[in-house]
Amino acid sequence: MKRYRGNQQVEPGVYVNLRRFSFESLRRAGRLPGTERDKYRRVSSLALMVAGPVLGGLYVVFLPFVGIAMLTWMAGGKAVQLMAHAASASGRVLRPAWRPGPAFLSRAGRPDGTGKRADKWADEVKKQLKKDDGENDSEGKGGRGARCAGSPSG
């Protein structure tokens, strides 16, 4: 096969640029497109007559495999996307929503002591404990500070 360069005067025929893998068909004598850097080769008519049916047959034989490969690729991509979404959702579900820091600190009010809210439960418990202490002292059973029988200090 003879080599030709871009912008070179050539006879009518089919020329292929192997670097760009492009075909140029010239019906009349003329110049090839491109610059001096582009290299072309002329393809004979006999080679085109043989290559056409062979390439068409390969296309027909391998097209189903290409289709199956594309479907597998798309299904695999969707499966990966679905698994990533499921992992993200399960992470949100399994993560505990209990936040002890804010729950504990919410009872204290502001740090400067202003705007302190009344804690009804804590006040009721304190009253109950004082009441229980008073009853135990008056009955002689002892309150918080009462000594137990058999204690080493007593």
C-alpha atoms as a PDB file:
ATOM      1  CA  MET A   1       0.000   0.000   0.000  1.00  0.00           C
ATOM      2  CA  LYS A   2       1.309   3.366  -0.925  1.00  0.00           C
ATOM      3  CA  ARG A   3       1.380   6.118   1.703  1.00  0.00           C
ATOM      4  CA  TYR A   4      -0.022   9.575   1.116  1.00  0.00           C
ATOM      5  CA  ARG A   5       0.073  12.745   3.176  1.00  0.00           C
ATOM      6  CA  GLY A   6      -2.662  15.269   3.854  1.00  0.00           C
ATOM      7  CA  ASN A   7      -3.136  17.996   1.209  1.00  0.00           C
ATOM      8  CA  GLN A   8      -1.481  15.751  -1.413  1.00  0.00           C
ATOM      9  CA  GLN A   9      -2.921  15.447  -4.945  1.00  0.00           C
ATOM     10  CA  VAL A  10      -4.351  11.894  -5.392  1.00  0.00           C
ATOM     11  CA  GLU A  11      -6.493   9.817  -7.787  1.00  0.00           C
ATOM     12  CA  PRO A  12     -10.146   8.977  -7.034  1.00  0.00           C
ATOM     13  CA  GLY A  13     -10.623   6.199  -4.476  1.00  0.00           C
ATOM     14  CA  VAL A  14     -10.988   5.395  -0.803  1.00  0.00           C
ATOM     15  CA  TYR A  15      -8.265   6.484   1.611  1.00  0.00           C
ATOM     16  CA  VAL A  16      -7.936   5.695   5.296  1.00  0.00           C
ATOM     17  CA  ASN A  17      -6.229   7.736   8.016  1.00  0.00           C
ATOM     18  CA  LEU A  18      -5.066   5.114  10.547  1.00  0.00           C
ATOM     19  CA  ARG A  19      -4.228   7.651  13.254  1.00  0.00           C
ATOM     20  CA  ARG A  20      -7.795   9.042  13.352  1.00  0.00           C
ATOM     21  CA  PHE A  21      -9.338   5.876  11.890  1.00  0.00           C
ATOM     22  CA  SER A  22     -11.292   7.888   9.369  1.00  0.00           C
ATOM     23  CA  PHE A  23     -12.139   7.074   5.785  1.00  0.00           C
ATOM     24  CA  GLU A  24     -12.087   9.618   2.964  1.00  0.00           C
ATOM     25  CA  SER A  25     -13.761   8.825  -0.310  1.00  0.00           C
ATOM     26  CA  LEU A  26     -12.792  10.931  -3.333  1.00  0.00           C
ATOM     27  CA  ARG A  27     -14.966  10.703  -6.465  1.00  0.00           C
ATOM     28  CA  ARG A  28     -12.645  12.850  -8.557  1.00  0.00           C
ATOM     29  CA  ALA A  29      -8.939  13.491  -8.510  1.00  0.00           C
ATOM     30  CA  GLY A  30      -8.103  16.051  -5.849  1.00  0.00           C
ATOM     31  CA  ARG A  31      -6.320  16.792  -2.609  1.00  0.00           C
ATOM     32  CA  LEU A  32      -6.647  14.791   0.622  1.00  0.00           C
ATOM     33  CA  PRO A  33      -7.947  16.721   3.637  1.00  0.00           C
ATOM     34  CA  GLY A  34      -5.653  17.565   6.523  1.00  0.00           C
ATOM     35  CA  THR A  35      -2.075  18.744   6.923  1.00  0.00           C
ATOM     36  CA  GLU A  36       1.332  17.303   6.093  1.00  0.00           C
ATOM     37  CA  ARG A  37       1.277  15.429   9.405  1.00  0.00           C
ATOM     38  CA  ASP A  38      -1.788  13.361   8.428  1.00  0.00           C
ATOM     39  CA  LYS A  39      -0.867  10.056   6.795  1.00  0.00           C
ATOM     40  CA  TYR A  40      -3.261   8.196   4.522  1.00  0.00           C
ATOM     41  CA  ARG A  41      -3.234   4.832   2.781  1.00  0.00           C
ATOM     42  CA  ARG A  42      -5.294   3.920  -0.239  1.00  0.00           C
ATOM     43  CA  VAL A  43      -7.672   0.991   0.196  1.00  0.00           C
ATOM     44  CA  SER A  44      -8.178  -1.109  -2.929  1.00  0.00           C
ATOM     45  CA  SER A  45     -11.658  -1.905  -4.172  1.00  0.00           C
ATOM     46  CA  LEU A  46     -11.002  -5.634  -3.811  1.00  0.00           C
ATOM     47  CA  ALA A  47     -10.107  -5.192  -0.098  1.00  0.00           C
ATOM     48  CA  LEU A  48     -13.338  -3.234   0.451  1.00  0.00           C
ATOM     49  CA  MET A  49     -15.373  -5.969  -1.272  1.00  0.00           C
ATOM     50  CA  VAL A  50     -13.890  -8.625   1.040  1.00  0.00           C
ATOM     51  CA  ALA A  51     -13.828  -6.576   4.268  1.00  0.00           C
ATOM     52  CA  GLY A  52     -17.437  -5.352   3.986  1.00  0.00           C
ATOM     53  CA  PRO A  53     -19.212  -8.701   4.376  1.00  0.00           C
ATOM     54  CA  VAL A  54     -16.664  -9.937   6.949  1.00  0.00           C
ATOM     55  CA  LEU A  55     -17.155  -6.902   9.177  1.00  0.00           C
ATOM     56  CA  GLY A  56     -20.938  -7.105   8.729  1.00  0.00           C
ATOM     57  CA  GLY A  57     -20.911 -10.779   9.745  1.00  0.00           C
ATOM     58  CA  LEU A  58     -18.812 -10.027  12.831  1.00  0.00           C
ATOM     59  CA  TYR A  59     -21.266  -7.279  13.740  1.00  0.00           C
ATOM     60  CA  VAL A  60     -24.235  -9.645  13.474  1.00  0.00           C
ATOM     61  CA  VAL A  61     -22.498 -12.408  15.456  1.00  0.00           C
ATOM     62  CA  PHE A  62     -21.228 -10.232  18.320  1.00  0.00           C
ATOM     63  CA  LEU A  63     -24.173  -7.809  18.626  1.00  0.00           C
ATOM     64  CA  PRO A  64     -26.124 -10.065  21.045  1.00  0.00           C
ATOM     65  CA  PHE A  65     -23.046 -10.385  23.270  1.00  0.00           C
ATOM     66  CA  VAL A  66     -22.607  -6.628  23.281  1.00  0.00           C
ATOM     67  CA  GLY A  67     -26.276  -6.205  24.224  1.00  0.00           C
ATOM     68  CA  ILE A  68     -26.003  -8.727  27.067  1.00  0.00           C
ATOM     69  CA  ALA A  69     -22.821  -7.060  28.314  1.00  0.00           C
ATOM     70  CA  MET A  70     -24.531  -3.647  28.294  1.00  0.00           C
ATOM     71  CA  LEU A  71     -27.557  -4.959  30.184  1.00  0.00           C
ATOM     72  CA  THR A  72     -25.308  -6.666  32.734  1.00  0.00           C
ATOM     73  CA  TRP A  73     -23.311  -3.465  33.192  1.00  0.00           C
ATOM     74  CA  MET A  74     -26.463  -1.377  33.710  1.00  0.00           C
ATOM     75  CA  ALA A  75     -28.039  -3.907  36.095  1.00  0.00           C
ATOM     76  CA  GLY A  76     -24.802  -4.136  38.078  1.00  0.00           C
ATOM     77  CA  GLY A  77     -24.638  -0.357  38.348  1.00  0.00           C
ATOM     78  CA  LYS A  78     -28.232  -0.202  39.577  1.00  0.00           C
ATOM     79  CA  ALA A  79     -27.554  -2.995  42.095  1.00  0.00           C
ATOM     80  CA  VAL A  80     -24.550  -1.110  43.484  1.00  0.00           C
ATOM     81  CA  GLN A  81     -26.614   2.072  43.677  1.00  0.00           C
ATOM     82  CA  LEU A  82     -29.429   0.207  45.477  1.00  0.00           C
ATOM     83  CA  MET A  83     -27.012  -1.369  47.969  1.00  0.00           C
ATOM     84  CA  ALA A  84     -25.420   2.017  48.712  1.00  0.00           C
ATOM     85  CA  HIS A  85     -28.855   3.535  49.333  1.00  0.00           C
ATOM     86  CA  ALA A  86     -29.852   0.600  51.574  1.00  0.00           C
ATOM     87  CA  ALA A  87     -26.618   0.879  53.559  1.00  0.00           C
ATOM     88  CA  SER A  88     -27.173   4.604  54.028  1.00  0.00           C
ATOM     89  CA  ALA A  89     -30.784   4.099  55.128  1.00  0.00           C
ATOM     90  CA  SER A  90     -29.877   1.300  57.539  1.00  0.00           C
ATOM     91  CA  GLY A  91     -27.172   3.493  59.022  1.00  0.00           C
ATOM     92  CA  ARG A  92     -29.755   6.187  59.716  1.00  0.00           C
ATOM     93  CA  VAL A  93     -32.146   3.665  61.272  1.00  0.00           C
ATOM     94  CA  LEU A  94     -29.577   1.867  63.422  1.00  0.00           C
ATOM     95  CA  ARG A  95     -27.893   5.004  64.719  1.00  0.00           C
ATOM     96  CA  PRO A  96     -29.175   5.767  68.208  1.00  0.00           C
ATOM     97  CA  ALA A  97     -31.204   8.937  68.528  1.00  0.00           C
ATOM     98  CA  TRP A  98     -30.479   9.182  72.255  1.00  0.00           C
ATOM     99  CA  ARG A  99     -28.254  12.180  72.959  1.00  0.00           C
ATOM    100  CA  PRO A 100     -27.357  12.198  76.645  1.00  0.00           C
ATOM    101  CA  GLY A 101     -25.410  15.481  76.582  1.00  0.00           C
ATOM    102  CA  PRO A 102     -28.246  17.748  75.470  1.00  0.00           C
ATOM    103  CA  ALA A 103     -30.759  15.777  77.570  1.00  0.00           C
ATOM    104  CA  PHE A 104     -28.695  16.240  80.733  1.00  0.00           C
ATOM    105  CA  LEU A 105     -27.820  19.851  80.088  1.00  0.00           C
ATOM    106  CA  SER A 106     -31.388  20.866  79.253  1.00  0.00           C
ATOM    107  CA  ARG A 107     -32.400  20.679  82.945  1.00  0.00           C
ATOM    108  CA  ALA A 108     -29.731  23.095  84.133  1.00  0.00           C
ATOM    109  CA  GLY A 109     -30.990  26.252  82.461  1.00  0.00           C
ATOM    110  CA  ARG A 110     -28.569  28.866  81.216  1.00  0.00           C
ATOM    111  CA  PRO A 111     -24.905  28.825  82.216  1.00  0.00           C
ATOM    112  CA  ASP A 112     -25.100  32.275  83.841  1.00  0.00           C
ATOM    113  CA  GLY A 113     -27.908  31.115  86.165  1.00  0.00           C
ATOM    114  CA  THR A 114     -30.549  33.471  84.760  1.00  0.00           C
ATOM    115  CA  GLY A 115     -33.759  32.090  83.444  1.00  0.00           C
ATOM    116  CA  LYS A 116     -33.467  28.932  85.487  1.00  0.00           C
ATOM    117  CA  ARG A 117     -36.570  26.841  85.061  1.00  0.00           C
ATOM    118  CA  ALA A 118     -38.310  25.222  87.975  1.00  0.00           C
ATOM    119  CA  ASP A 119     -37.958  21.455  88.019  1.00  0.00           C
ATOM    120  CA  LYS A 120     -41.223  20.191  89.515  1.00  0.00           C
ATOM    121  CA  TRP A 121     -40.111  16.598  89.736  1.00  0.00           C
ATOM    122  CA  ALA A 122     -36.877  17.464  91.564  1.00  0.00           C
ATOM    123  CA  ASP A 123     -38.768  19.760  93.976  1.00  0.00           C
ATOM    124  CA  GLU A 124     -41.338  17.039  94.758  1.00  0.00           C
ATOM    125  CA  VAL A 125     -38.602  14.460  95.402  1.00  0.00           C
ATOM    126  CA  LYS A 126     -36.768  16.861  97.742  1.00  0.00           C
ATOM    127  CA  LYS A 127     -39.972  17.540  99.705  1.00  0.00           C
ATOM    128  CA  GLN A 128     -40.696  13.824  99.959  1.00  0.00           C
ATOM    129  CA  LEU A 129     -37.175  13.106 101.223  1.00  0.00           C
ATOM    130  CA  LYS A 130     -37.406  15.874 103.845  1.00  0.00           C
ATOM    131  CA  LYS A 131     -40.816  14.616 104.908  1.00  0.00           C
ATOM    132  CA  ASP A 132     -39.486  11.044 105.216  1.00  0.00           C
ATOM    133  CA  ASP A 133     -36.490  12.330 107.212  1.00  0.00           C
ATOM    134  CA  GLY A 134     -38.775  14.167 109.623  1.00  0.00           C
ATOM    135  CA  GLU A 135     -41.025  11.139 110.210  1.00  0.00           C
ATOM    136  CA  ASN A 136     -38.080   8.849 110.835  1.00  0.00           C
ATOM    137  CA  ASP A 137     -36.544  11.259 113.391  1.00  0.00           C
ATOM    138  CA  SER A 138     -39.789  11.690 115.330  1.00  0.00           C
ATOM    139  CA  GLU A 139     -40.430   7.931 115.555  1.00  0.00           C
ATOM    140  CA  GLY A 140     -36.956   7.268 116.861  1.00  0.00           C
ATOM    141  CA  LYS A 141     -35.983   5.151 113.937  1.00  0.00           C
ATOM    142  CA  GLY A 142     -33.409   7.644 112.843  1.00  0.00           C
ATOM    143  CA  GLY A 143     -33.104   9.562 109.683  1.00  0.00           C
ATOM    144  CA  ARG A 144     -30.220   9.826 107.374  1.00  0.00           C
ATOM    145  CA  GLY A 145     -27.715  10.220 110.126  1.00  0.00           C
ATOM    146  CA  ALA A 146     -29.108   7.475 112.386  1.00  0.00           C
ATOM    147  CA  ARG A 147     -26.723   4.807 113.478  1.00  0.00           C
ATOM    148  CA  CYS A 148     -27.550   1.238 112.742  1.00  0.00           C
ATOM    149  CA  ALA A 149     -27.356  -1.365 115.473  1.00  0.00           C
ATOM    150  CA  GLY A 150     -24.143  -3.286 115.275  1.00  0.00           C
ATOM    151  CA  SER A 151     -22.252  -0.569 113.467  1.00  0.00           C
ATOM    152  CA  PRO A 152     -18.633  -0.111 114.496  1.00  0.00           C
ATOM    153  CA  SER A 153     -19.165   3.538 115.426  1.00  0.00           C
ATOM    154  CA  GLY A 154     -22.038   2.893 117.659  1.00  0.00           C
END
